[in-house]
PDB file of N, CA and C in Angstrom:
ATOM      1  N   UNK A   1     236.626  51.831  24.553  1.00  0.00           N
ATOM      2  CA  UNK A   1     236.289  50.421  24.684  1.00  0.00           C
ATOM      3  C   UNK A   1     236.360  50.021  26.161  1.00  0.00           C
ATOM      4  N   UNK A   2     235.324  49.388  26.643  1.00  0.00           N
ATOM      5  CA  UNK A   2     235.288  48.991  28.045  1.00  0.00           C
ATOM      6  C   UNK A   2     235.757  47.554  28.216  1.00  0.00           C
ATOM      7  N   UNK A   3     236.349  47.305  29.369  1.00  0.00           N
ATOM      8  CA  UNK A   3     236.814  45.947  29.666  1.00  0.00           C
ATOM      9  C   UNK A   3     235.621  45.075  30.038  1.00  0.00           C
ATOM     10  N   UNK A   4     235.761  43.772  29.803  1.00  0.00           N
ATOM     11  CA  UNK A   4     234.704  42.844  30.189  1.00  0.00           C
ATOM     12  C   UNK A   4     234.665  42.725  31.698  1.00  0.00           C
ATOM     13  N   UNK A   5     233.478  42.549  32.279  1.00  0.00           N
ATOM     14  CA  UNK A   5     233.382  42.371  33.723  1.00  0.00           C
ATOM     15  C   UNK A   5     234.094  41.093  34.161  1.00  0.00           C
ATOM     16  N   UNK A   6     234.654  41.132  35.363  1.00  0.00           N
ATOM     17  CA  UNK A   6     235.310  39.956  35.918  1.00  0.00           C
ATOM     18  C   UNK A   6     234.250  38.902  36.209  1.00  0.00           C
ATOM     19  N   UNK A   7     234.498  37.672  35.786  1.00  0.00           N
ATOM     20  CA  UNK A   7     233.556  36.586  36.040  1.00  0.00           C
ATOM     21  C   UNK A   7     233.753  36.057  37.457  1.00  0.00           C
ATOM     22  N   UNK A   8     232.803  35.256  37.911  1.00  0.00           N
ATOM     23  CA  UNK A   8     232.922  34.663  39.242  1.00  0.00           C
ATOM     24  C   UNK A   8     234.171  33.787  39.318  1.00  0.00           C
ATOM     25  N   UNK A   9     234.458  33.032  38.268  1.00  0.00           N
ATOM     26  CA  UNK A   9     235.637  32.161  38.246  1.00  0.00           C
ATOM     27  C   UNK A   9     236.915  32.987  38.398  1.00  0.00           C
ATOM     28  N   UNK A  10     236.985  34.105  37.684  1.00  0.00           N
ATOM     29  CA  UNK A  10     238.156  34.975  37.786  1.00  0.00           C
ATOM     30  C   UNK A  10     238.249  35.607  39.170  1.00  0.00           C
ATOM     31  N   UNK A  11     237.102  36.014  39.724  1.00  0.00           N
ATOM     32  CA  UNK A  11     237.084  36.604  41.057  1.00  0.00           C
ATOM     33  C   UNK A  11     237.532  35.584  42.096  1.00  0.00           C
ATOM     34  N   UNK A  12     237.058  34.361  41.991  1.00  0.00           N
ATOM     35  CA  UNK A  12     237.455  33.302  42.931  1.00  0.00           C
ATOM     36  C   UNK A  12     238.962  33.060  42.835  1.00  0.00           C
ATOM     37  N   UNK A  13     239.506  33.021  41.628  1.00  0.00           N
ATOM     38  CA  UNK A  13     240.943  32.809  41.451  1.00  0.00           C
ATOM     39  C   UNK A  13     241.747  33.947  42.077  1.00  0.00           C
ATOM     40  N   UNK A  14     241.322  35.186  41.849  1.00  0.00           N
ATOM     41  CA  UNK A  14     242.017  36.338  42.426  1.00  0.00           C
ATOM     42  C   UNK A  14     241.898  36.345  43.943  1.00  0.00           C
ATOM     43  N   UNK A  15     240.735  35.991  44.453  1.00  0.00           N
ATOM     44  CA  UNK A  15     240.513  35.928  45.897  1.00  0.00           C
ATOM     45  C   UNK A  15     241.375  34.840  46.528  1.00  0.00           C
ATOM     46  N   UNK A  16     241.470  33.688  45.879  1.00  0.00           N
ATOM     47  CA  UNK A  16     242.299  32.593  46.392  1.00  0.00           C
ATOM     48  C   UNK A  16     243.755  33.024  46.468  1.00  0.00           C
ATOM     49  N   UNK A  17     244.210  33.711  45.435  1.00  0.00           N
ATOM     50  CA  UNK A  17     245.594  34.191  45.426  1.00  0.00           C
ATOM     51  C   UNK A  17     245.829  35.208  46.538  1.00  0.00           C
ATOM     52  N   UNK A  18     244.884  36.145  46.707  1.00  0.00           N
ATOM     53  CA  UNK A  18     245.022  37.163  47.752  1.00  0.00           C
ATOM     54  C   UNK A  18     244.972  36.564  49.154  1.00  0.00           C
ATOM     55  N   UNK A  19     244.191  35.493  49.312  1.00  0.00           N
ATOM     56  CA  UNK A  19     244.059  34.834  50.620  1.00  0.00           C
ATOM     57  C   UNK A  19     245.182  33.835  50.870  1.00  0.00           C
ATOM     58  N   UNK A  20     245.890  33.449  49.828  1.00  0.00           N
ATOM     59  CA  UNK A  20     246.903  32.416  49.968  1.00  0.00           C
ATOM     60  C   UNK A  20     246.282  31.055  50.234  1.00  0.00           C
ATOM     61  N   UNK A  21     245.123  30.824  49.634  1.00  0.00           N
ATOM     62  CA  UNK A  21     244.433  29.545  49.830  1.00  0.00           C
ATOM     63  C   UNK A  21     244.039  28.968  48.479  1.00  0.00           C
ATOM     64  N   UNK A  22     243.305  27.867  48.524  1.00  0.00           N
ATOM     65  CA  UNK A  22     242.878  27.272  47.257  1.00  0.00           C
ATOM     66  C   UNK A  22     241.544  27.861  46.804  1.00  0.00           C
ATOM     67  N   UNK A  23     241.176  27.531  45.586  1.00  0.00           N
ATOM     68  CA  UNK A  23     239.960  28.094  44.994  1.00  0.00           C
ATOM     69  C   UNK A  23     238.694  27.612  45.700  1.00  0.00           C
ATOM     70  N   UNK A  24     238.719  26.397  46.220  1.00  0.00           N
ATOM     71  CA  UNK A  24     237.532  25.862  46.900  1.00  0.00           C
ATOM     72  C   UNK A  24     237.208  26.700  48.138  1.00  0.00           C
ATOM     73  N   UNK A  25     238.222  27.061  48.913  1.00  0.00           N
ATOM     74  CA  UNK A  25     238.026  27.885  50.112  1.00  0.00           C
ATOM     75  C   UNK A  25     237.571  29.293  49.710  1.00  0.00           C
ATOM     76  N   UNK A  26     238.201  29.847  48.674  1.00  0.00           N
ATOM     77  CA  UNK A  26     237.836  31.187  48.210  1.00  0.00           C
ATOM     78  C   UNK A  26     236.405  31.214  47.695  1.00  0.00           C
ATOM     79  N   UNK A  27     235.989  30.192  46.959  1.00  0.00           N
ATOM     80  CA  UNK A  27     234.620  30.122  46.443  1.00  0.00           C
ATOM     81  C   UNK A  27     233.622  30.027  47.584  1.00  0.00           C
ATOM     82  N   UNK A  28     233.953  29.220  48.609  1.00  0.00           N
ATOM     83  CA  UNK A  28     233.066  29.095  49.769  1.00  0.00           C
ATOM     84  C   UNK A  28     232.952  30.426  50.500  1.00  0.00           C
ATOM     85  N   UNK A  29     234.059  31.158  50.634  1.00  0.00           N
ATOM     86  CA  UNK A  29     234.042  32.464  51.305  1.00  0.00           C
ATOM     87  C   UNK A  29     233.197  33.462  50.522  1.00  0.00           C
ATOM     88  N   UNK A  30     233.375  33.489  49.212  1.00  0.00           N
ATOM     89  CA  UNK A  30     232.607  34.408  48.371  1.00  0.00           C
ATOM     90  C   UNK A  30     231.114  34.093  48.433  1.00  0.00           C
ATOM     91  N   UNK A  31     230.764  32.816  48.344  1.00  0.00           N
ATOM     92  CA  UNK A  31     229.362  32.408  48.424  1.00  0.00           C
ATOM     93  C   UNK A  31     228.758  32.753  49.777  1.00  0.00           C
ATOM     94  N   UNK A  32     229.538  32.589  50.848  1.00  0.00           N
ATOM     95  CA  UNK A  32     229.047  32.901  52.192  1.00  0.00           C
ATOM     96  C   UNK A  32     228.784  34.397  52.337  1.00  0.00           C
ATOM     97  N   UNK A  33     229.694  35.221  51.835  1.00  0.00           N
ATOM     98  CA  UNK A  33     229.501  36.679  51.905  1.00  0.00           C
ATOM     99  C   UNK A  33     228.254  37.074  51.115  1.00  0.00           C
ATOM    100  N   UNK A  34     228.094  36.545  49.907  1.00  0.00           N
ATOM    101  CA  UNK A  34     226.932  36.869  49.076  1.00  0.00           C
ATOM    102  C   UNK A  34     225.638  36.456  49.766  1.00  0.00           C
ATOM    103  N   UNK A  35     225.635  35.291  50.399  1.00  0.00           N
ATOM    104  CA  UNK A  35     224.441  34.800  51.093  1.00  0.00           C
ATOM    105  C   UNK A  35     224.083  35.679  52.286  1.00  0.00           C
ATOM    106  N   UNK A  36     225.083  36.053  53.073  1.00  0.00           N
ATOM    107  CA  UNK A  36     224.841  36.902  54.247  1.00  0.00           C
ATOM    108  C   UNK A  36     224.305  38.266  53.817  1.00  0.00           C
ATOM    109  N   UNK A  37     224.914  38.866  52.796  1.00  0.00           N
ATOM    110  CA  UNK A  37     224.461  40.177  52.311  1.00  0.00           C
ATOM    111  C   UNK A  37     223.027  40.082  51.799  1.00  0.00           C
ATOM    112  N   UNK A  38     222.727  39.085  50.982  1.00  0.00           N
ATOM    113  CA  UNK A  38     221.382  38.927  50.428  1.00  0.00           C
ATOM    114  C   UNK A  38     220.347  38.738  51.529  1.00  0.00           C
ATOM    115  N   UNK A  39     220.659  37.912  52.515  1.00  0.00           N
ATOM    116  CA  UNK A  39     219.718  37.647  53.603  1.00  0.00           C
ATOM    117  C   UNK A  39     219.449  38.910  54.425  1.00  0.00           C
ATOM    118  N   UNK A  40     220.499  39.641  54.754  1.00  0.00           N
ATOM    119  CA  UNK A  40     220.359  40.854  55.566  1.00  0.00           C
ATOM    120  C   UNK A  40     219.591  41.942  54.823  1.00  0.00           C
ATOM    121  N   UNK A  41     219.915  42.153  53.552  1.00  0.00           N
ATOM    122  CA  UNK A  41     219.246  43.192  52.758  1.00  0.00           C
ATOM    123  C   UNK A  41     217.785  42.822  52.518  1.00  0.00           C
ATOM    124  N   UNK A  42     217.502  41.549  52.256  1.00  0.00           N
ATOM    125  CA  UNK A  42     216.121  41.107  52.054  1.00  0.00           C
ATOM    126  C   UNK A  42     215.282  41.317  53.305  1.00  0.00           C
ATOM    127  N   UNK A  43     215.919  41.264  54.472  1.00  0.00           N
ATOM    128  CA  UNK A  43     215.210  41.478  55.740  1.00  0.00           C
ATOM    129  C   UNK A  43     215.056  42.968  56.055  1.00  0.00           C
ATOM    130  N   UNK A  44     215.525  43.834  55.155  1.00  0.00           N
ATOM    131  CA  UNK A  44     215.380  45.268  55.356  1.00  0.00           C
ATOM    132  C   UNK A  44     216.589  45.929  55.980  1.00  0.00           C
ATOM    133  N   UNK A  45     217.658  45.185  56.177  1.00  0.00           N
ATOM    134  CA  UNK A  45     218.856  45.729  56.805  1.00  0.00           C
ATOM    135  C   UNK A  45     219.810  46.353  55.806  1.00  0.00           C
ATOM    136  N   UNK A  46     220.926  46.827  56.344  1.00  0.00           N
ATOM    137  CA  UNK A  46     221.981  47.426  55.551  1.00  0.00           C
ATOM    138  C   UNK A  46     223.278  46.708  55.866  1.00  0.00           C
ATOM    139  N   UNK A  47     224.090  46.454  54.859  1.00  0.00           N
ATOM    140  CA  UNK A  47     225.386  45.809  55.057  1.00  0.00           C
ATOM    141  C   UNK A  47     226.464  46.750  54.533  1.00  0.00           C
ATOM    142  N   UNK A  48     227.471  47.007  55.359  1.00  0.00           N
ATOM    143  CA  UNK A  48     228.608  47.812  54.939  1.00  0.00           C
ATOM    144  C   UNK A  48     229.748  46.878  54.571  1.00  0.00           C
ATOM    145  N   UNK A  49     230.223  46.999  53.359  1.00  0.00           N
ATOM    146  CA  UNK A  49     231.382  46.238  52.898  1.00  0.00           C
ATOM    147  C   UNK A  49     232.560  47.214  52.917  1.00  0.00           C
ATOM    148  N   UNK A  50     233.428  47.119  53.920  1.00  0.00           N
ATOM    149  CA  UNK A  50     234.507  48.094  54.080  1.00  0.00           C
ATOM    150  C   UNK A  50     235.336  48.261  52.812  1.00  0.00           C
ATOM    151  N   UNK A  51     235.529  49.509  52.428  1.00  0.00           N
ATOM    152  CA  UNK A  51     236.306  49.816  51.240  1.00  0.00           C
ATOM    153  C   UNK A  51     235.533  49.681  49.942  1.00  0.00           C
ATOM    154  N   UNK A  52     234.303  49.163  50.007  1.00  0.00           N
ATOM    155  CA  UNK A  52     233.488  48.978  48.800  1.00  0.00           C
ATOM    156  C   UNK A  52     232.251  49.861  48.841  1.00  0.00           C
ATOM    157  N   UNK A  53     231.463  49.736  49.895  1.00  0.00           N
ATOM    158  CA  UNK A  53     230.267  50.554  50.015  1.00  0.00           C
ATOM    159  C   UNK A  53     229.215  49.903  50.884  1.00  0.00           C
ATOM    160  N   UNK A  54     228.007  50.463  50.829  1.00  0.00           N
ATOM    161  CA  UNK A  54     226.869  49.960  51.601  1.00  0.00           C
ATOM    162  C   UNK A  54     225.823  49.408  50.668  1.00  0.00           C
ATOM    163  N   UNK A  55     225.216  48.291  51.079  1.00  0.00           N
ATOM    164  CA  UNK A  55     224.118  47.695  50.326  1.00  0.00           C
ATOM    165  C   UNK A  55     222.904  47.765  51.238  1.00  0.00           C
ATOM    166  N   UNK A  56     221.833  48.373  50.761  1.00  0.00           N
ATOM    167  CA  UNK A  56     220.649  48.560  51.591  1.00  0.00           C
ATOM    168  C   UNK A  56     219.380  48.327  50.792  1.00  0.00           C
ATOM    169  N   UNK A  57     218.302  48.076  51.511  1.00  0.00           N
ATOM    170  CA  UNK A  57     216.999  47.888  50.907  1.00  0.00           C
ATOM    171  C   UNK A  57     216.159  49.133  51.195  1.00  0.00           C
ATOM    172  N   UNK A  58     215.564  49.686  50.158  1.00  0.00           N
ATOM    173  CA  UNK A  58     214.729  50.876  50.300  1.00  0.00           C
ATOM    174  C   UNK A  58     213.322  50.530  49.832  1.00  0.00           C
ATOM    175  N   UNK A  59     212.335  50.854  50.645  1.00  0.00           N
ATOM    176  CA  UNK A  59     210.946  50.602  50.258  1.00  0.00           C
ATOM    177  C   UNK A  59     210.425  51.780  49.453  1.00  0.00           C
ATOM    178  N   UNK A  60     209.742  51.464  48.358  1.00  0.00           N
ATOM    179  CA  UNK A  60     209.131  52.500  47.520  1.00  0.00           C
ATOM    180  C   UNK A  60     207.616  52.385  47.638  1.00  0.00           C
ATOM    181  N   UNK A  61     206.930  53.502  47.815  1.00  0.00           N
ATOM    182  CA  UNK A  61     205.474  53.463  47.949  1.00  0.00           C
ATOM    183  C   UNK A  61     204.779  53.199  46.617  1.00  0.00           C
ATOM    184  N   UNK A  62     203.482  52.915  46.704  1.00  0.00           N
ATOM    185  CA  UNK A  62     202.676  52.784  45.495  1.00  0.00           C
ATOM    186  C   UNK A  62     202.756  54.115  44.751  1.00  0.00           C
ATOM    187  N   UNK A  63     202.820  54.050  43.414  1.00  0.00           N
ATOM    188  CA  UNK A  63     202.979  55.289  42.658  1.00  0.00           C
ATOM    189  C   UNK A  63     202.385  55.152  41.260  1.00  0.00           C
ATOM    190  N   UNK A  64     202.216  56.293  40.626  1.00  0.00           N
ATOM    191  CA  UNK A  64     201.708  56.337  39.254  1.00  0.00           C
ATOM    192  C   UNK A  64     202.901  56.322  38.297  1.00  0.00           C
ATOM    193  N   UNK A  65     202.845  55.442  37.306  1.00  0.00           N
ATOM    194  CA  UNK A  65     203.893  55.364  36.288  1.00  0.00           C
ATOM    195  C   UNK A  65     203.231  55.334  34.910  1.00  0.00           C
ATOM    196  N   UNK A  66     204.005  55.709  33.891  1.00  0.00           N
ATOM    197  CA  UNK A  66     203.474  55.740  32.531  1.00  0.00           C
ATOM    198  C   UNK A  66     203.918  54.493  31.792  1.00  0.00           C
ATOM    199  N   UNK A  67     202.972  53.829  31.156  1.00  0.00           N
ATOM    200  CA  UNK A  67     203.280  52.690  30.301  1.00  0.00           C
ATOM    201  C   UNK A  67     203.882  53.264  29.018  1.00  0.00           C
ATOM    202  N   UNK A  68     205.170  52.974  28.734  1.00  0.00           N
ATOM    203  CA  UNK A  68     205.800  53.592  27.559  1.00  0.00           C
ATOM    204  C   UNK A  68     205.192  53.144  26.226  1.00  0.00           C
ATOM    205  N   UNK A  69     204.581  51.983  26.194  1.00  0.00           N
ATOM    206  CA  UNK A  69     203.999  51.487  24.939  1.00  0.00           C
ATOM    207  C   UNK A  69     202.704  52.217  24.601  1.00  0.00           C
ATOM    208  N   UNK A  70     201.883  52.512  25.625  1.00  0.00           N
ATOM    209  CA  UNK A  70     200.572  53.110  25.362  1.00  0.00           C
ATOM    210  C   UNK A  70     200.457  54.548  25.835  1.00  0.00           C
ATOM    211  N   UNK A  71     201.358  54.979  26.711  1.00  0.00           N
ATOM    212  CA  UNK A  71     201.273  56.320  27.270  1.00  0.00           C
ATOM    213  C   UNK A  71     200.287  56.405  28.420  1.00  0.00           C
ATOM    214  N   UNK A  72     199.626  55.312  28.729  1.00  0.00           N
ATOM    215  CA  UNK A  72     198.627  55.271  29.788  1.00  0.00           C
ATOM    216  C   UNK A  72     199.291  55.312  31.167  1.00  0.00           C
ATOM    217  N   UNK A  73     198.688  56.042  32.100  1.00  0.00           N
ATOM    218  CA  UNK A  73     199.165  56.094  33.480  1.00  0.00           C
ATOM    219  C   UNK A  73     198.557  54.914  34.234  1.00  0.00           C
ATOM    220  N   UNK A  74     199.406  54.156  34.914  1.00  0.00           N
ATOM    221  CA  UNK A  74     198.945  53.008  35.691  1.00  0.00           C
ATOM    222  C   UNK A  74     199.528  53.088  37.094  1.00  0.00           C
ATOM    223  N   UNK A  75     198.873  52.423  38.028  1.00  0.00           N
ATOM    224  CA  UNK A  75     199.346  52.400  39.410  1.00  0.00           C
ATOM    225  C   UNK A  75     200.291  51.223  39.577  1.00  0.00           C
ATOM    226  N   UNK A  76     201.484  51.512  40.059  1.00  0.00           N
ATOM    227  CA  UNK A  76     202.475  50.465  40.329  1.00  0.00           C
ATOM    228  C   UNK A  76     202.451  50.197  41.823  1.00  0.00           C
ATOM    229  N   UNK A  77     202.366  48.945  42.191  1.00  0.00           N
ATOM    230  CA  UNK A  77     202.302  48.571  43.599  1.00  0.00           C
ATOM    231  C   UNK A  77     203.591  48.937  44.332  1.00  0.00           C
ATOM    232  N   UNK A  78     203.494  49.085  45.642  1.00  0.00           N
ATOM    233  CA  UNK A  78     204.672  49.339  46.466  1.00  0.00           C
ATOM    234  C   UNK A  78     205.645  48.179  46.294  1.00  0.00           C
ATOM    235  N   UNK A  79     206.925  48.497  46.311  1.00  0.00           N
ATOM    236  CA  UNK A  79     207.936  47.451  46.178  1.00  0.00           C
ATOM    237  C   UNK A  79     209.204  47.864  46.911  1.00  0.00           C
ATOM    238  N   UNK A  80     210.204  47.024  46.816  1.00  0.00           N
ATOM    239  CA  UNK A  80     211.488  47.295  47.454  1.00  0.00           C
ATOM    240  C   UNK A  80     212.546  47.420  46.376  1.00  0.00           C
ATOM    241  N   UNK A  81     213.567  48.219  46.666  1.00  0.00           N
ATOM    242  CA  UNK A  81     214.642  48.440  45.718  1.00  0.00           C
ATOM    243  C   UNK A  81     215.970  48.298  46.457  1.00  0.00           C
ATOM    244  N   UNK A  82     216.917  47.603  45.862  1.00  0.00           N
ATOM    245  CA  UNK A  82     218.249  47.475  46.454  1.00  0.00           C
ATOM    246  C   UNK A  82     219.082  48.661  45.989  1.00  0.00           C
ATOM    247  N   UNK A  83     219.710  49.340  46.950  1.00  0.00           N
ATOM    248  CA  UNK A  83     220.542  50.497  46.657  1.00  0.00           C
ATOM    249  C   UNK A  83     221.965  50.195  47.095  1.00  0.00           C
ATOM    250  N   UNK A  84     222.932  50.580  46.282  1.00  0.00           N
ATOM    251  CA  UNK A  84     224.340  50.428  46.633  1.00  0.00           C
ATOM    252  C   UNK A  84     224.964  51.820  46.635  1.00  0.00           C
ATOM    253  N   UNK A  85     225.562  52.180  47.775  1.00  0.00           N
ATOM    254  CA  UNK A  85     226.262  53.444  47.905  1.00  0.00           C
ATOM    255  C   UNK A  85     227.752  53.132  47.913  1.00  0.00           C
ATOM    256  N   UNK A  86     228.481  53.681  46.972  1.00  0.00           N
ATOM    257  CA  UNK A  86     229.901  53.382  46.831  1.00  0.00           C
ATOM    258  C   UNK A  86     230.699  54.144  47.898  1.00  0.00           C
ATOM    259  N   UNK A  87     231.652  53.444  48.518  1.00  0.00           N
ATOM    260  CA  UNK A  87     232.488  54.033  49.571  1.00  0.00           C
ATOM    261  C   UNK A  87     233.448  55.072  48.977  1.00  0.00           C
ATOM    262  N   UNK A  88     233.747  56.082  49.762  1.00  0.00           N
ATOM    263  CA  UNK A  88     234.666  57.136  49.333  1.00  0.00           C
ATOM    264  C   UNK A  88     236.037  56.560  48.989  1.00  0.00           C
ATOM    265  N   UNK A  89     236.490  55.572  49.770  1.00  0.00           N
ATOM    266  CA  UNK A  89     237.795  54.970  49.511  1.00  0.00           C
ATOM    267  C   UNK A  89     237.859  54.347  48.120  1.00  0.00           C
ATOM    268  N   UNK A  90     236.780  53.694  47.686  1.00  0.00           N
ATOM    269  CA  UNK A  90     236.750  53.092  46.352  1.00  0.00           C
ATOM    270  C   UNK A  90     236.694  54.167  45.274  1.00  0.00           C
ATOM    271  N   UNK A  91     235.874  55.203  45.487  1.00  0.00           N
ATOM    272  CA  UNK A  91     235.809  56.309  44.529  1.00  0.00           C
ATOM    273  C   UNK A  91     237.186  56.944  44.365  1.00  0.00           C
ATOM    274  N   UNK A  92     237.856  57.178  45.500  1.00  0.00           N
ATOM    275  CA  UNK A  92     239.170  57.815  45.457  1.00  0.00           C
ATOM    276  C   UNK A  92     240.207  56.947  44.746  1.00  0.00           C
ATOM    277  N   UNK A  93     240.139  55.618  44.951  1.00  0.00           N
ATOM    278  CA  UNK A  93     241.115  54.731  44.305  1.00  0.00           C
ATOM    279  C   UNK A  93     240.879  54.658  42.796  1.00  0.00           C
ATOM    280  N   UNK A  94     239.622  54.778  42.370  1.00  0.00           N
ATOM    281  CA  UNK A  94     239.300  54.759  40.951  1.00  0.00           C
ATOM    282  C   UNK A  94     239.708  56.069  40.289  1.00  0.00           C
ATOM    283  N   UNK A  95     239.491  57.177  40.982  1.00  0.00           N
ATOM    284  CA  UNK A  95     239.769  58.491  40.418  1.00  0.00           C
ATOM    285  C   UNK A  95     241.173  59.006  40.727  1.00  0.00           C
ATOM    286  N   UNK A  96     241.919  58.275  41.550  1.00  0.00           N
ATOM    287  CA  UNK A  96     243.248  58.744  41.987  1.00  0.00           C
ATOM    288  C   UNK A  96     244.283  58.406  41.053  1.00  0.00           C
TER     289      UNK A  96
END
């Protein structure tokens, strides 16, 4: 049985406790980090979150894909994909 994912409210509460501040400050900090990461990755950059991993944008070329409903091969336009590489420190803490 897997645990439920932590909600934003729970994350803000835990962050506020870790920072020794109130929830309003913690929520603003979390929102600011999310905004900066999204803006940088959307611009094609990479963001390293120490102890967590790297978030990067990877461009994928136009390619042939199969429509699972019909089996027909169709051309999918070039697009971008967000990739997250987990940091070794986080992997080690989970597996340690």
